[in-house]
Amino acid sequence: MTNPSSPTSAWRPGMPGGDTLPSGPAGRPTAPGHDGHGPETGPPTVTIGSYPDYPSAQRVVDYLADNRFPVEHSAIVGTNLTLVETVLGRMTTGRAALAGAGTGAWFGLFIGLLFGIFTAGNWIAVILVGLVVGAIWGAVFGAVAHAMTGGRRDFTSASSLRAGQYAVIVDAQYAEQARQLLGRMHVAAPPPAR
């Protein structure tokens, strides 16, 4: 039988020695929160405004900061997140080789500079050789890597996360102060252009 505090036994709340968790590869874990549904997230918060785009929410937090509000107790939370992958163009073996050559050239330049520091002779030649060899190997690896996909991804793209709405939240104890400041902001704001 294993001792409850031995490392081979599973951790369970309420066990003798169950108040301390064994450390894992990412460090010392935190025990579940008081309700058993995960760690506590901090003080309760209140939403003081919701905006259709990030610049509007940023403008509100900037206004609060300009008026000496403790903005370290606020956050901008994006909701209704959408992943958008914008297709930039077609990827061919030639383009993959060209992109690989560019990456390889940078790596070759770095290696050439590293060896050039310790060269007593013509250090510029060492840097140029590193750059050319890096570009050649980068082109080969880029072309081979693209050919190995078998045409399953013949395009390049860029991914981004977009939120449908942005909420400005503050700690509950500062909510009234933030609302008063926002009331002054909306009174002082010029009317929208038509």
C-alpha atoms as a PDB file:
ATOM      1  CA  MET A   1       0.000   0.000   0.000  1.00  0.00           C
ATOM      2  CA  THR A   2       1.290   3.448  -0.867  1.00  0.00           C
ATOM      3  CA  ASN A   3       1.508   6.292   1.549  1.00  0.00           C
ATOM      4  CA  PRO A   4      -0.832   9.208   0.606  1.00  0.00           C
ATOM      5  CA  SER A   5       2.119  11.576   0.471  1.00  0.00           C
ATOM      6  CA  SER A   6       4.205   9.342  -1.806  1.00  0.00           C
ATOM      7  CA  PRO A   7       4.843  10.610  -5.324  1.00  0.00           C
ATOM      8  CA  THR A   8       3.156   7.581  -6.932  1.00  0.00           C
ATOM      9  CA  SER A   9      -0.256   8.209  -5.415  1.00  0.00           C
ATOM     10  CA  ALA A  10      -2.716  10.519  -7.135  1.00  0.00           C
ATOM     11  CA  TRP A  11      -3.494  13.872  -5.550  1.00  0.00           C
ATOM     12  CA  ARG A  12      -6.954  14.217  -4.098  1.00  0.00           C
ATOM     13  CA  PRO A  13      -8.349  17.146  -2.113  1.00  0.00           C
ATOM     14  CA  GLY A  14      -8.955  16.421   1.538  1.00  0.00           C
ATOM     15  CA  MET A  15      -6.250  13.761   1.727  1.00  0.00           C
ATOM     16  CA  PRO A  16      -3.593  14.056   4.397  1.00  0.00           C
ATOM     17  CA  GLY A  17      -0.829  15.981   2.705  1.00  0.00           C
ATOM     18  CA  GLY A  18      -3.275  16.856  -0.102  1.00  0.00           C
ATOM     19  CA  ASP A  19      -2.746  20.568   0.413  1.00  0.00           C
ATOM     20  CA  THR A  20       0.600  20.380  -1.365  1.00  0.00           C
ATOM     21  CA  LEU A  21       0.731  19.298  -4.990  1.00  0.00           C
ATOM     22  CA  PRO A  22       3.800  17.634  -6.463  1.00  0.00           C
ATOM     23  CA  SER A  23       5.592  19.834  -8.960  1.00  0.00           C
ATOM     24  CA  GLY A  24       5.373  18.894 -12.614  1.00  0.00           C
ATOM     25  CA  PRO A  25       7.390  19.711 -15.715  1.00  0.00           C
ATOM     26  CA  ALA A  26       5.887  23.204 -15.927  1.00  0.00           C
ATOM     27  CA  GLY A  27       6.547  24.012 -12.286  1.00  0.00           C
ATOM     28  CA  ARG A  28       4.324  23.908  -9.252  1.00  0.00           C
ATOM     29  CA  PRO A  29       0.636  23.594 -10.197  1.00  0.00           C
ATOM     30  CA  THR A  30      -2.068  25.521  -8.410  1.00  0.00           C
ATOM     31  CA  ALA A  31      -4.831  23.725  -6.600  1.00  0.00           C
ATOM     32  CA  PRO A  32      -8.390  24.058  -7.922  1.00  0.00           C
ATOM     33  CA  GLY A  33     -10.298  27.117  -6.719  1.00  0.00           C
ATOM     34  CA  HIS A  34     -12.628  27.095  -3.784  1.00  0.00           C
ATOM     35  CA  ASP A  35     -15.536  25.960  -5.974  1.00  0.00           C
ATOM     36  CA  GLY A  36     -13.541  23.065  -7.508  1.00  0.00           C
ATOM     37  CA  HIS A  37     -13.873  24.405 -11.070  1.00  0.00           C
ATOM     38  CA  GLY A  38     -10.336  25.721 -11.552  1.00  0.00           C
ATOM     39  CA  PRO A  39      -8.090  28.448 -10.200  1.00  0.00           C
ATOM     40  CA  GLU A  40      -9.584  31.702  -9.084  1.00  0.00           C
ATOM     41  CA  THR A  41      -9.496  34.353 -11.788  1.00  0.00           C
ATOM     42  CA  GLY A  42      -9.055  37.358  -9.539  1.00  0.00           C
ATOM     43  CA  PRO A  43     -11.464  39.955  -8.221  1.00  0.00           C
ATOM     44  CA  PRO A  44     -14.964  40.205  -9.708  1.00  0.00           C
ATOM     45  CA  THR A  45     -15.223  42.457 -12.745  1.00  0.00           C
ATOM     46  CA  VAL A  46     -17.908  44.656 -14.288  1.00  0.00           C
ATOM     47  CA  THR A  47     -18.357  45.484 -17.972  1.00  0.00           C
ATOM     48  CA  ILE A  48     -18.479  49.268 -18.361  1.00  0.00           C
ATOM     49  CA  GLY A  49     -18.844  49.387 -22.125  1.00  0.00           C
ATOM     50  CA  SER A  50     -19.030  47.278 -25.263  1.00  0.00           C
ATOM     51  CA  TYR A  51     -17.672  48.463 -28.622  1.00  0.00           C
ATOM     52  CA  PRO A  52     -17.785  47.193 -32.209  1.00  0.00           C
ATOM     53  CA  ASP A  53     -14.058  47.636 -32.880  1.00  0.00           C
ATOM     54  CA  TYR A  54     -10.766  47.596 -30.983  1.00  0.00           C
ATOM     55  CA  PRO A  55      -9.819  51.273 -31.547  1.00  0.00           C
ATOM     56  CA  SER A  56     -13.041  52.381 -29.809  1.00  0.00           C
ATOM     57  CA  ALA A  57     -12.312  50.211 -26.767  1.00  0.00           C
ATOM     58  CA  GLN A  58      -8.703  51.374 -26.771  1.00  0.00           C
ATOM     59  CA  ARG A  59      -9.863  55.009 -26.888  1.00  0.00           C
ATOM     60  CA  VAL A  60     -11.977  54.420 -23.755  1.00  0.00           C
ATOM     61  CA  VAL A  61      -9.074  52.892 -21.798  1.00  0.00           C
ATOM     62  CA  ASP A  62      -6.795  55.697 -22.990  1.00  0.00           C
ATOM     63  CA  TYR A  63      -9.344  58.260 -21.790  1.00  0.00           C
ATOM     64  CA  LEU A  64      -9.486  56.540 -18.389  1.00  0.00           C
ATOM     65  CA  ALA A  65      -5.683  56.581 -18.186  1.00  0.00           C
ATOM     66  CA  ASP A  66      -5.566  60.289 -19.104  1.00  0.00           C
ATOM     67  CA  ASN A  67      -7.953  60.998 -16.215  1.00  0.00           C
ATOM     68  CA  ARG A  68      -5.840  59.242 -13.583  1.00  0.00           C
ATOM     69  CA  PHE A  69      -7.992  56.088 -13.434  1.00  0.00           C
ATOM     70  CA  PRO A  70      -5.998  53.030 -12.227  1.00  0.00           C
ATOM     71  CA  VAL A  71      -6.058  51.278 -15.625  1.00  0.00           C
ATOM     72  CA  GLU A  72      -4.120  48.311 -14.257  1.00  0.00           C
ATOM     73  CA  HIS A  73      -7.533  47.229 -12.930  1.00  0.00           C
ATOM     74  CA  SER A  74      -9.090  47.166 -16.413  1.00  0.00           C
ATOM     75  CA  ALA A  75      -9.007  44.907 -19.462  1.00  0.00           C
ATOM     76  CA  ILE A  76     -10.220  44.815 -23.057  1.00  0.00           C
ATOM     77  CA  VAL A  77     -11.913  41.505 -23.800  1.00  0.00           C
ATOM     78  CA  GLY A  78     -12.656  40.426 -27.365  1.00  0.00           C
ATOM     79  CA  THR A  79     -15.719  38.194 -27.738  1.00  0.00           C
ATOM     80  CA  ASN A  80     -17.227  36.241 -30.629  1.00  0.00           C
ATOM     81  CA  LEU A  81     -13.773  35.370 -31.929  1.00  0.00           C
ATOM     82  CA  THR A  82     -13.385  34.331 -35.552  1.00  0.00           C
ATOM     83  CA  LEU A  83     -10.295  32.818 -37.150  1.00  0.00           C
ATOM     84  CA  VAL A  84      -9.714  34.411 -40.558  1.00  0.00           C
ATOM     85  CA  GLU A  85      -7.192  32.859 -42.933  1.00  0.00           C
ATOM     86  CA  THR A  86      -6.444  35.256 -45.773  1.00  0.00           C
ATOM     87  CA  VAL A  87      -5.093  33.509 -48.871  1.00  0.00           C
ATOM     88  CA  LEU A  88      -2.108  35.456 -50.194  1.00  0.00           C
ATOM     89  CA  GLY A  89      -1.378  33.513 -53.380  1.00  0.00           C
ATOM     90  CA  ARG A  90      -0.603  30.250 -55.075  1.00  0.00           C
ATOM     91  CA  MET A  91       2.391  28.247 -53.848  1.00  0.00           C
ATOM     92  CA  THR A  92       4.454  26.498 -56.481  1.00  0.00           C
ATOM     93  CA  THR A  93       7.656  24.514 -56.111  1.00  0.00           C
ATOM     94  CA  GLY A  94       9.558  27.477 -57.568  1.00  0.00           C
ATOM     95  CA  ARG A  95       8.066  29.899 -55.044  1.00  0.00           C
ATOM     96  CA  ALA A  96       8.765  27.450 -52.209  1.00  0.00           C
ATOM     97  CA  ALA A  97      12.391  27.194 -53.391  1.00  0.00           C
ATOM     98  CA  LEU A  98      12.637  30.995 -53.577  1.00  0.00           C
ATOM     99  CA  ALA A  99      11.245  31.419 -50.054  1.00  0.00           C
ATOM    100  CA  GLY A 100      13.592  28.700 -48.797  1.00  0.00           C
ATOM    101  CA  ALA A 101      16.531  30.434 -50.496  1.00  0.00           C
ATOM    102  CA  GLY A 102      15.701  33.672 -48.688  1.00  0.00           C
ATOM    103  CA  THR A 103      15.507  31.953 -45.307  1.00  0.00           C
ATOM    104  CA  GLY A 104      18.661  29.951 -46.027  1.00  0.00           C
ATOM    105  CA  ALA A 105      20.525  33.084 -47.101  1.00  0.00           C
ATOM    106  CA  TRP A 106      19.788  34.764 -43.757  1.00  0.00           C
ATOM    107  CA  PHE A 107      20.958  31.680 -41.872  1.00  0.00           C
ATOM    108  CA  GLY A 108      24.049  31.405 -44.100  1.00  0.00           C
ATOM    109  CA  LEU A 109      24.810  35.084 -43.521  1.00  0.00           C
ATOM    110  CA  PHE A 110      24.639  34.516 -39.762  1.00  0.00           C
ATOM    111  CA  ILE A 111      26.966  31.502 -39.957  1.00  0.00           C
ATOM    112  CA  GLY A 112      29.291  33.418 -42.318  1.00  0.00           C
ATOM    113  CA  LEU A 113      29.471  36.331 -39.882  1.00  0.00           C
ATOM    114  CA  LEU A 114      30.146  33.939 -37.019  1.00  0.00           C
ATOM    115  CA  PHE A 115      33.021  32.270 -38.878  1.00  0.00           C
ATOM    116  CA  GLY A 116      34.184  35.614 -40.310  1.00  0.00           C
ATOM    117  CA  ILE A 117      34.893  36.898 -36.824  1.00  0.00           C
ATOM    118  CA  PHE A 118      37.475  34.159 -36.266  1.00  0.00           C
ATOM    119  CA  THR A 119      39.059  34.323 -39.742  1.00  0.00           C
ATOM    120  CA  ALA A 120      42.456  35.946 -40.065  1.00  0.00           C
ATOM    121  CA  GLY A 121      42.347  36.133 -43.871  1.00  0.00           C
ATOM    122  CA  ASN A 122      39.618  37.382 -46.193  1.00  0.00           C
ATOM    123  CA  TRP A 123      36.574  37.517 -43.903  1.00  0.00           C
ATOM    124  CA  ILE A 124      34.291  39.007 -46.595  1.00  0.00           C
ATOM    125  CA  ALA A 125      34.771  35.860 -48.707  1.00  0.00           C
ATOM    126  CA  VAL A 126      33.774  33.709 -45.730  1.00  0.00           C
ATOM    127  CA  ILE A 127      30.583  35.750 -45.259  1.00  0.00           C
ATOM    128  CA  LEU A 128      29.712  35.550 -48.970  1.00  0.00           C
ATOM    129  CA  VAL A 129      30.331  31.780 -49.092  1.00  0.00           C
ATOM    130  CA  GLY A 130      28.085  31.315 -46.051  1.00  0.00           C
ATOM    131  CA  LEU A 131      25.369  33.398 -47.677  1.00  0.00           C
ATOM    132  CA  VAL A 132      25.519  31.518 -51.015  1.00  0.00           C
ATOM    133  CA  VAL A 133      25.699  28.045 -49.462  1.00  0.00           C
ATOM    134  CA  GLY A 134      22.815  28.922 -47.122  1.00  0.00           C
ATOM    135  CA  ALA A 135      20.700  30.162 -50.031  1.00  0.00           C
ATOM    136  CA  ILE A 136      21.361  27.005 -52.070  1.00  0.00           C
ATOM    137  CA  TRP A 137      20.526  24.623 -49.234  1.00  0.00           C
ATOM    138  CA  GLY A 138      17.490  26.699 -48.281  1.00  0.00           C
ATOM    139  CA  ALA A 139      16.186  26.510 -51.855  1.00  0.00           C
ATOM    140  CA  VAL A 140      16.691  22.733 -51.941  1.00  0.00           C
ATOM    141  CA  PHE A 141      14.945  22.207 -48.606  1.00  0.00           C
ATOM    142  CA  GLY A 142      12.103  24.571 -49.544  1.00  0.00           C
ATOM    143  CA  ALA A 143      11.460  22.791 -52.843  1.00  0.00           C
ATOM    144  CA  VAL A 144      11.653  19.313 -51.291  1.00  0.00           C
ATOM    145  CA  ALA A 145       9.363  20.268 -48.406  1.00  0.00           C
ATOM    146  CA  HIS A 146       6.756  21.640 -50.824  1.00  0.00           C
ATOM    147  CA  ALA A 147       7.011  18.604 -53.100  1.00  0.00           C
ATOM    148  CA  MET A 148       6.468  16.301 -50.096  1.00  0.00           C
ATOM    149  CA  THR A 149       3.068  17.864 -49.378  1.00  0.00           C
ATOM    150  CA  GLY A 150       1.775  16.248 -52.549  1.00  0.00           C
ATOM    151  CA  GLY A 151      -0.263  19.290 -53.573  1.00  0.00           C
ATOM    152  CA  ARG A 152      -2.400  19.293 -50.418  1.00  0.00           C
ATOM    153  CA  ARG A 153      -1.623  22.927 -49.656  1.00  0.00           C
ATOM    154  CA  ASP A 154      -0.714  24.815 -52.797  1.00  0.00           C
ATOM    155  CA  PHE A 155      -1.317  28.282 -51.403  1.00  0.00           C
ATOM    156  CA  THR A 156       0.172  30.690 -48.873  1.00  0.00           C
ATOM    157  CA  SER A 157      -1.916  32.395 -46.258  1.00  0.00           C
ATOM    158  CA  ALA A 158      -1.876  34.533 -43.136  1.00  0.00           C
ATOM    159  CA  SER A 159      -4.117  33.759 -40.164  1.00  0.00           C
ATOM    160  CA  SER A 160      -5.583  36.294 -37.762  1.00  0.00           C
ATOM    161  CA  LEU A 161      -8.120  36.312 -34.948  1.00  0.00           C
ATOM    162  CA  ARG A 162     -10.916  38.866 -35.128  1.00  0.00           C
ATOM    163  CA  ALA A 163     -13.426  39.672 -32.437  1.00  0.00           C
ATOM    164  CA  GLY A 164     -17.032  40.607 -33.134  1.00  0.00           C
ATOM    165  CA  GLN A 165     -17.189  42.869 -30.106  1.00  0.00           C
ATOM    166  CA  TYR A 166     -14.807  44.362 -27.541  1.00  0.00           C
ATOM    167  CA  ALA A 167     -15.829  44.822 -23.924  1.00  0.00           C
ATOM    168  CA  VAL A 168     -13.998  47.083 -21.478  1.00  0.00           C
ATOM    169  CA  ILE A 169     -14.103  45.553 -18.012  1.00  0.00           C
ATOM    170  CA  VAL A 170     -12.851  46.895 -14.687  1.00  0.00           C
ATOM    171  CA  ASP A 171     -12.600  45.452 -11.204  1.00  0.00           C
ATOM    172  CA  ALA A 172     -15.948  45.807  -9.440  1.00  0.00           C
ATOM    173  CA  GLN A 173     -14.553  48.169  -6.797  1.00  0.00           C
ATOM    174  CA  TYR A 174     -13.592  50.697  -9.522  1.00  0.00           C
ATOM    175  CA  ALA A 175     -16.741  50.355 -11.664  1.00  0.00           C
ATOM    176  CA  GLU A 176     -18.526  53.454 -10.354  1.00  0.00           C
ATOM    177  CA  GLN A 177     -15.465  55.659 -10.811  1.00  0.00           C
ATOM    178  CA  ALA A 178     -15.034  54.378 -14.385  1.00  0.00           C
ATOM    179  CA  ARG A 179     -18.714  54.981 -15.220  1.00  0.00           C
ATOM    180  CA  GLN A 180     -18.500  58.567 -13.965  1.00  0.00           C
ATOM    181  CA  LEU A 181     -15.432  59.225 -16.108  1.00  0.00           C
ATOM    182  CA  LEU A 182     -17.087  57.646 -19.158  1.00  0.00           C
ATOM    183  CA  GLY A 183     -20.155  59.829 -18.614  1.00  0.00           C
ATOM    184  CA  ARG A 184     -17.908  62.893 -18.880  1.00  0.00           C
ATOM    185  CA  MET A 185     -16.229  61.450 -21.977  1.00  0.00           C
ATOM    186  CA  HIS A 186     -19.525  60.987 -23.817  1.00  0.00           C
ATOM    187  CA  VAL A 187     -20.673  64.514 -22.877  1.00  0.00           C
ATOM    188  CA  ALA A 188     -17.411  66.042 -24.118  1.00  0.00           C
ATOM    189  CA  ALA A 189     -17.270  63.963 -27.332  1.00  0.00           C
ATOM    190  CA  PRO A 190     -18.209  65.790 -30.543  1.00  0.00           C
ATOM    191  CA  PRO A 191     -21.325  64.589 -32.367  1.00  0.00           C
ATOM    192  CA  PRO A 192     -20.655  61.933 -35.043  1.00  0.00           C
ATOM    193  CA  ALA A 193     -20.346  63.195 -38.621  1.00  0.00           C
ATOM    194  CA  ARG A 194     -23.260  62.440 -40.933  1.00  0.00           C
END
